[in-house]
N, C-alpha and C. Protein backbone atom coordinates (compact mmCIF):
# COMPACT_ATOMS: atom_id res chain seq x y z
N MET A 1 12.99 -1.70 -3.36
CA MET A 1 12.60 -2.41 -2.20
C MET A 1 11.14 -2.48 -1.93
N PHE A 2 10.64 -3.61 -1.64
CA PHE A 2 9.18 -3.71 -1.23
C PHE A 2 9.13 -4.79 -0.22
N LYS A 3 8.60 -4.39 0.92
CA LYS A 3 8.65 -5.33 2.10
C LYS A 3 7.32 -5.28 2.82
N VAL A 4 6.69 -6.44 3.01
CA VAL A 4 5.39 -6.49 3.73
C VAL A 4 5.59 -7.21 5.02
N THR A 5 5.09 -6.57 6.11
CA THR A 5 5.17 -7.15 7.40
C THR A 5 3.66 -7.21 7.99
N LYS A 6 3.44 -8.37 8.38
CA LYS A 6 2.07 -8.55 9.04
C LYS A 6 2.22 -7.93 10.42
N ASN A 7 1.34 -7.01 10.95
CA ASN A 7 1.55 -6.36 12.22
C ASN A 7 0.23 -6.60 13.00
N GLY A 8 -0.10 -7.83 13.28
CA GLY A 8 -1.32 -8.07 14.06
C GLY A 8 -2.28 -8.80 13.17
N PRO A 9 -3.40 -9.18 13.65
CA PRO A 9 -4.38 -9.94 12.87
C PRO A 9 -5.13 -9.17 11.75
N ASN A 10 -5.14 -7.91 11.80
CA ASN A 10 -5.79 -7.22 10.79
C ASN A 10 -5.00 -6.08 10.22
N ARG A 11 -3.74 -6.11 10.30
CA ARG A 11 -2.82 -5.00 9.93
C ARG A 11 -1.55 -5.47 9.07
N VAL A 12 -1.26 -4.74 8.14
CA VAL A 12 0.06 -4.96 7.49
C VAL A 12 0.79 -3.62 7.19
N ASP A 13 2.00 -3.73 7.33
CA ASP A 13 2.97 -2.59 7.05
C ASP A 13 3.66 -2.74 5.82
N ILE A 14 3.71 -1.82 4.96
CA ILE A 14 4.44 -2.05 3.76
C ILE A 14 5.50 -0.86 3.59
N GLU A 15 6.60 -1.31 3.23
CA GLU A 15 7.72 -0.35 2.99
C GLU A 15 8.08 -0.40 1.45
N PHE A 16 8.23 0.71 0.98
CA PHE A 16 8.55 0.72 -0.50
C PHE A 16 9.59 1.86 -0.84
N SER A 17 10.47 1.51 -1.66
CA SER A 17 11.40 2.48 -2.09
C SER A 17 12.19 1.96 -3.31
N GLY A 18 12.65 2.97 -4.14
CA GLY A 18 13.35 2.53 -5.35
C GLY A 18 12.45 2.28 -6.59
N LYS A 19 12.94 1.40 -7.49
CA LYS A 19 12.15 1.12 -8.70
C LYS A 19 12.03 -0.33 -8.80
N LEU A 20 10.76 -0.76 -9.11
CA LEU A 20 10.49 -2.19 -9.34
C LEU A 20 10.54 -2.62 -10.75
N ASP A 21 11.06 -3.70 -11.09
CA ASP A 21 10.98 -4.25 -12.39
C ASP A 21 9.97 -5.36 -12.36
N SER A 22 9.79 -6.17 -13.51
CA SER A 22 8.62 -7.04 -13.44
C SER A 22 8.90 -8.27 -12.55
N ASP A 23 10.17 -8.74 -12.34
CA ASP A 23 10.43 -9.70 -11.44
C ASP A 23 10.16 -9.29 -9.95
N ASP A 24 10.73 -8.07 -9.69
CA ASP A 24 10.41 -7.49 -8.34
C ASP A 24 8.93 -7.44 -8.04
N MET A 25 8.19 -6.91 -9.02
CA MET A 25 6.78 -6.71 -8.82
C MET A 25 6.02 -8.01 -8.59
N LYS A 26 6.37 -9.09 -9.35
CA LYS A 26 5.91 -10.45 -9.03
C LYS A 26 6.08 -10.86 -7.58
N ILE A 27 7.31 -10.73 -7.08
CA ILE A 27 7.62 -11.10 -5.75
C ILE A 27 6.83 -10.21 -4.78
N ALA A 28 6.83 -8.99 -5.04
CA ALA A 28 6.18 -8.06 -4.09
C ALA A 28 4.65 -8.37 -4.00
N LEU A 29 4.03 -8.55 -5.09
CA LEU A 29 2.51 -8.78 -5.11
C LEU A 29 2.25 -10.21 -4.54
N ASP A 30 3.03 -11.25 -4.71
CA ASP A 30 2.85 -12.50 -4.16
C ASP A 30 2.95 -12.33 -2.64
N GLU A 31 3.95 -11.66 -2.17
CA GLU A 31 4.13 -11.45 -0.77
C GLU A 31 2.87 -10.60 -0.10
N LEU A 32 2.43 -9.64 -0.79
CA LEU A 32 1.41 -8.85 -0.33
C LEU A 32 0.15 -9.64 -0.17
N LEU A 33 -0.15 -10.43 -1.30
CA LEU A 33 -1.39 -11.31 -1.29
C LEU A 33 -1.31 -12.40 -0.16
N GLU A 34 -0.15 -12.93 0.11
CA GLU A 34 0.11 -14.01 1.02
C GLU A 34 -0.12 -13.42 2.35
N LYS A 35 0.44 -12.27 2.76
CA LYS A 35 0.33 -11.74 4.06
C LYS A 35 -0.92 -11.06 4.39
N THR A 36 -1.77 -10.86 3.42
CA THR A 36 -3.10 -10.17 3.69
C THR A 36 -4.20 -11.20 3.57
N ALA A 37 -3.93 -12.50 3.25
CA ALA A 37 -4.97 -13.45 3.25
C ALA A 37 -5.83 -13.51 4.53
N GLY A 38 -6.95 -13.57 4.42
CA GLY A 38 -7.88 -13.63 5.65
C GLY A 38 -8.12 -12.34 6.51
N ILE A 39 -7.53 -11.30 6.08
CA ILE A 39 -7.72 -10.04 6.76
C ILE A 39 -9.13 -9.51 6.49
N GLU A 40 -9.81 -9.09 7.53
CA GLU A 40 -11.05 -8.36 7.35
C GLU A 40 -11.07 -7.08 8.06
N HIS A 41 -11.73 -6.00 7.57
CA HIS A 41 -11.67 -4.69 8.14
C HIS A 41 -10.25 -4.32 8.56
N GLY A 42 -9.35 -4.48 7.60
CA GLY A 42 -7.86 -4.24 7.90
C GLY A 42 -7.44 -2.87 7.94
N ARG A 43 -6.27 -2.65 8.34
CA ARG A 43 -5.54 -1.35 8.40
C ARG A 43 -4.15 -1.64 7.73
N MET A 44 -3.75 -0.58 6.97
CA MET A 44 -2.55 -0.77 6.18
C MET A 44 -1.71 0.58 6.40
N LEU A 45 -0.37 0.42 6.71
CA LEU A 45 0.47 1.53 6.81
C LEU A 45 1.58 1.35 5.72
N TYR A 46 1.57 2.34 4.82
CA TYR A 46 2.65 2.38 3.65
C TYR A 46 3.67 3.38 4.10
N ARG A 47 4.95 2.99 3.99
CA ARG A 47 6.09 3.90 4.05
C ARG A 47 6.68 3.95 2.69
N VAL A 48 6.57 5.17 2.08
CA VAL A 48 7.09 5.25 0.77
C VAL A 48 8.36 6.18 0.87
N GLY A 49 9.49 5.52 0.54
CA GLY A 49 10.78 6.25 0.57
C GLY A 49 11.04 6.90 -0.81
N ASP A 50 12.16 6.79 -1.38
CA ASP A 50 12.56 7.37 -2.67
C ASP A 50 11.88 6.59 -3.72
N PHE A 51 10.69 7.07 -4.16
CA PHE A 51 9.91 6.34 -5.08
C PHE A 51 10.34 6.64 -6.52
N LYS A 52 10.54 5.58 -7.36
CA LYS A 52 10.68 5.63 -8.72
C LYS A 52 9.60 5.02 -9.51
N ILE A 53 9.14 5.40 -10.61
CA ILE A 53 8.16 4.92 -11.37
C ILE A 53 8.61 3.50 -11.86
N PRO A 54 7.68 2.52 -11.57
CA PRO A 54 8.14 1.07 -11.85
C PRO A 54 8.30 1.05 -13.44
N THR A 55 9.03 -0.08 -13.92
CA THR A 55 9.20 -0.33 -15.33
C THR A 55 7.79 -0.66 -15.92
N LEU A 56 7.85 -0.55 -17.24
CA LEU A 56 6.59 -0.95 -17.88
C LEU A 56 6.27 -2.43 -17.67
N GLY A 57 7.26 -3.29 -17.55
CA GLY A 57 7.01 -4.68 -17.32
C GLY A 57 6.44 -4.85 -15.98
N ALA A 58 6.85 -4.13 -15.00
CA ALA A 58 6.32 -4.17 -13.52
C ALA A 58 4.83 -3.70 -13.68
N ILE A 59 4.43 -2.62 -14.37
CA ILE A 59 3.16 -2.15 -14.50
C ILE A 59 2.32 -3.17 -15.09
N GLY A 60 2.79 -3.92 -16.16
CA GLY A 60 2.14 -4.99 -16.86
C GLY A 60 1.80 -6.07 -15.75
N VAL A 61 2.67 -6.48 -14.92
CA VAL A 61 2.47 -7.57 -13.96
C VAL A 61 1.35 -7.01 -12.97
N GLU A 62 1.41 -5.79 -12.62
CA GLU A 62 0.39 -5.31 -11.69
C GLU A 62 -0.96 -5.30 -12.35
N PHE A 63 -1.13 -4.88 -13.62
CA PHE A 63 -2.38 -4.94 -14.43
C PHE A 63 -2.90 -6.37 -14.48
N SER A 64 -2.04 -7.19 -14.64
CA SER A 64 -2.48 -8.62 -14.84
C SER A 64 -3.11 -9.21 -13.53
N ARG A 65 -2.74 -8.54 -12.39
CA ARG A 65 -3.27 -9.04 -11.08
C ARG A 65 -4.40 -8.15 -10.60
N LEU A 66 -4.84 -7.21 -11.33
CA LEU A 66 -5.87 -6.26 -10.79
C LEU A 66 -7.09 -6.80 -10.20
N PRO A 67 -7.74 -8.00 -10.70
CA PRO A 67 -8.82 -8.51 -10.08
C PRO A 67 -8.49 -8.92 -8.56
N LYS A 68 -7.31 -9.58 -8.47
CA LYS A 68 -6.83 -10.01 -7.00
C LYS A 68 -6.62 -8.82 -6.10
N LEU A 69 -6.02 -7.70 -6.80
CA LEU A 69 -5.75 -6.52 -5.98
C LEU A 69 -7.06 -5.74 -5.52
N PHE A 70 -7.97 -5.77 -6.34
CA PHE A 70 -9.21 -5.16 -6.04
C PHE A 70 -9.95 -5.91 -4.97
N ARG A 71 -9.90 -7.14 -4.96
CA ARG A 71 -10.42 -7.93 -3.87
C ARG A 71 -9.74 -7.68 -2.62
N LEU A 72 -8.40 -7.65 -2.72
CA LEU A 72 -7.59 -7.24 -1.55
C LEU A 72 -7.91 -5.91 -0.91
N MET A 73 -8.14 -4.86 -1.79
CA MET A 73 -8.43 -3.60 -1.27
C MET A 73 -9.66 -3.66 -0.49
N HIS A 74 -10.59 -4.48 -0.75
CA HIS A 74 -11.95 -4.64 -0.01
C HIS A 74 -11.76 -5.23 1.30
N GLN A 75 -10.60 -5.79 1.60
CA GLN A 75 -10.39 -6.38 2.88
C GLN A 75 -9.89 -5.24 3.90
N PHE A 76 -9.70 -4.09 3.44
CA PHE A 76 -9.21 -2.99 4.27
C PHE A 76 -10.20 -1.84 4.34
N ASP A 77 -10.17 -1.25 5.57
CA ASP A 77 -10.95 0.02 5.83
C ASP A 77 -10.12 1.28 5.66
N ARG A 78 -8.93 1.16 6.13
CA ARG A 78 -8.14 2.36 6.12
C ARG A 78 -6.65 2.10 5.79
N ALA A 79 -6.07 3.04 5.17
CA ALA A 79 -4.63 2.90 4.83
C ALA A 79 -3.99 4.28 4.99
N ALA A 80 -2.91 4.32 5.78
CA ALA A 80 -2.15 5.65 5.93
C ALA A 80 -0.88 5.44 5.04
N VAL A 81 -0.56 6.49 4.43
CA VAL A 81 0.63 6.59 3.53
C VAL A 81 1.48 7.64 4.05
N LEU A 82 2.71 7.15 4.49
CA LEU A 82 3.77 8.11 4.84
C LEU A 82 4.74 8.29 3.70
N ALA A 83 4.82 9.60 3.22
CA ALA A 83 5.67 9.87 2.14
C ALA A 83 6.04 11.40 2.14
N ASP A 84 7.24 11.77 1.72
CA ASP A 84 7.70 13.04 1.68
C ASP A 84 7.31 13.69 0.34
N GLN A 85 7.02 12.87 -0.68
CA GLN A 85 6.76 13.47 -2.01
C GLN A 85 5.30 13.93 -2.15
N GLU A 86 4.97 15.07 -2.29
CA GLU A 86 3.64 15.48 -2.22
C GLU A 86 2.73 14.88 -3.31
N TRP A 87 3.32 14.66 -4.48
CA TRP A 87 2.53 13.95 -5.57
C TRP A 87 2.17 12.63 -5.11
N VAL A 88 2.86 11.79 -4.39
CA VAL A 88 2.65 10.51 -3.99
C VAL A 88 1.54 10.62 -2.96
N GLN A 89 1.59 11.57 -2.05
CA GLN A 89 0.40 11.78 -1.18
C GLN A 89 -0.87 12.09 -1.77
N ARG A 90 -0.96 12.95 -2.77
CA ARG A 90 -2.12 13.33 -3.44
C ARG A 90 -2.72 12.19 -4.23
N ILE A 91 -1.79 11.44 -5.00
CA ILE A 91 -2.21 10.26 -5.79
C ILE A 91 -2.80 9.27 -4.79
N SER A 92 -2.19 8.97 -3.72
CA SER A 92 -2.77 8.09 -2.63
C SER A 92 -4.12 8.31 -2.22
N GLU A 93 -4.33 9.67 -1.86
CA GLU A 93 -5.59 10.06 -1.46
C GLU A 93 -6.71 10.00 -2.54
N ILE A 94 -6.35 10.38 -3.74
CA ILE A 94 -7.21 10.21 -4.91
C ILE A 94 -7.66 8.78 -5.05
N GLU A 95 -6.63 7.83 -4.91
CA GLU A 95 -6.89 6.45 -5.09
C GLU A 95 -7.95 6.01 -3.98
N GLY A 96 -7.76 6.51 -2.79
CA GLY A 96 -8.75 6.28 -1.73
C GLY A 96 -10.15 6.67 -1.99
N ALA A 97 -10.28 7.84 -2.66
CA ALA A 97 -11.69 8.28 -3.11
C ALA A 97 -12.20 7.39 -4.11
N LEU A 98 -11.44 6.73 -4.91
CA LEU A 98 -11.96 5.82 -6.09
C LEU A 98 -12.23 4.40 -5.54
N ILE A 99 -11.82 3.98 -4.44
CA ILE A 99 -12.14 2.60 -4.01
C ILE A 99 -13.09 2.69 -2.92
N PRO A 100 -14.29 2.11 -3.24
CA PRO A 100 -15.39 2.21 -2.16
C PRO A 100 -14.98 1.45 -0.92
N GLY A 101 -15.32 2.08 0.26
CA GLY A 101 -15.11 1.38 1.54
C GLY A 101 -13.52 1.49 1.99
N LEU A 102 -12.74 2.05 1.26
CA LEU A 102 -11.28 2.30 1.73
C LEU A 102 -11.08 3.80 1.81
N THR A 103 -10.55 4.11 3.07
CA THR A 103 -10.15 5.61 3.26
C THR A 103 -8.67 5.58 3.32
N ILE A 104 -8.05 6.43 2.38
CA ILE A 104 -6.65 6.50 2.50
C ILE A 104 -6.30 7.98 2.94
N LYS A 105 -5.44 8.06 3.79
CA LYS A 105 -4.88 9.44 4.29
C LYS A 105 -3.43 9.43 4.16
N ALA A 106 -2.93 10.61 3.64
CA ALA A 106 -1.40 10.70 3.36
C ALA A 106 -0.83 11.56 4.61
N PHE A 107 0.37 11.25 5.00
CA PHE A 107 1.20 11.94 6.05
C PHE A 107 2.55 12.08 5.53
N ASP A 108 3.21 13.18 6.08
CA ASP A 108 4.69 13.18 5.84
C ASP A 108 5.41 12.07 6.55
N LEU A 109 6.54 11.72 6.20
CA LEU A 109 7.29 10.63 6.81
C LEU A 109 7.54 10.85 8.24
N ASP A 110 7.62 12.07 8.65
CA ASP A 110 7.97 12.30 10.08
C ASP A 110 6.76 12.32 10.95
N GLU A 111 5.55 12.06 10.39
CA GLU A 111 4.22 12.17 11.10
C GLU A 111 3.74 10.67 11.29
N GLU A 112 4.53 9.73 11.59
CA GLU A 112 4.25 8.32 11.81
C GLU A 112 3.36 8.23 13.03
N ALA A 113 3.59 8.89 14.10
CA ALA A 113 2.67 8.92 15.29
C ALA A 113 1.34 9.31 15.06
N GLU A 114 1.20 10.35 14.16
CA GLU A 114 -0.17 10.87 13.79
C GLU A 114 -0.81 9.72 12.90
N ALA A 115 -0.17 9.15 12.07
CA ALA A 115 -0.67 8.21 11.13
C ALA A 115 -1.15 6.97 11.95
N GLU A 116 -0.30 6.49 12.96
CA GLU A 116 -0.70 5.46 13.82
C GLU A 116 -1.98 5.70 14.57
N ARG A 117 -2.03 6.92 15.17
CA ARG A 117 -3.35 7.30 15.82
C ARG A 117 -4.53 7.25 14.91
N TRP A 118 -4.41 7.78 13.69
CA TRP A 118 -5.42 7.84 12.80
C TRP A 118 -5.84 6.40 12.33
N LEU A 119 -4.95 5.51 12.16
CA LEU A 119 -5.20 4.16 11.81
C LEU A 119 -5.92 3.44 13.01
N SER A 120 -5.61 3.72 14.16
CA SER A 120 -6.38 3.09 15.39
C SER A 120 -7.62 3.64 15.65
N SER A 121 -8.03 4.84 15.19
CA SER A 121 -9.26 5.36 15.49
C SER A 121 -10.43 4.78 14.68
């Protein structure tokens, strides 16, 4: 499952769980690109549930859209990742260190209030 909700003029919330195949990934990325159009200095809240590695086809779809995804990431200043899997948290923060201008901070799923405060600061 991949769900994108626009939550104000410069914020999107993303819920992700399960495993994505190539068709799911196309739909998810189309929705993400559509709902983030026009956002500047944005904030993003990811809720990562039971994460499964996407299929190779899904990864291929993601790679084919990397230029658009890199442009999208430059529209955002902060992203909070809510996840109970420690490896997801670590990879998220490493990703933030690699993308100039974007700070990513990971939180446990039960720390949503803290994540909200951090996004708002």
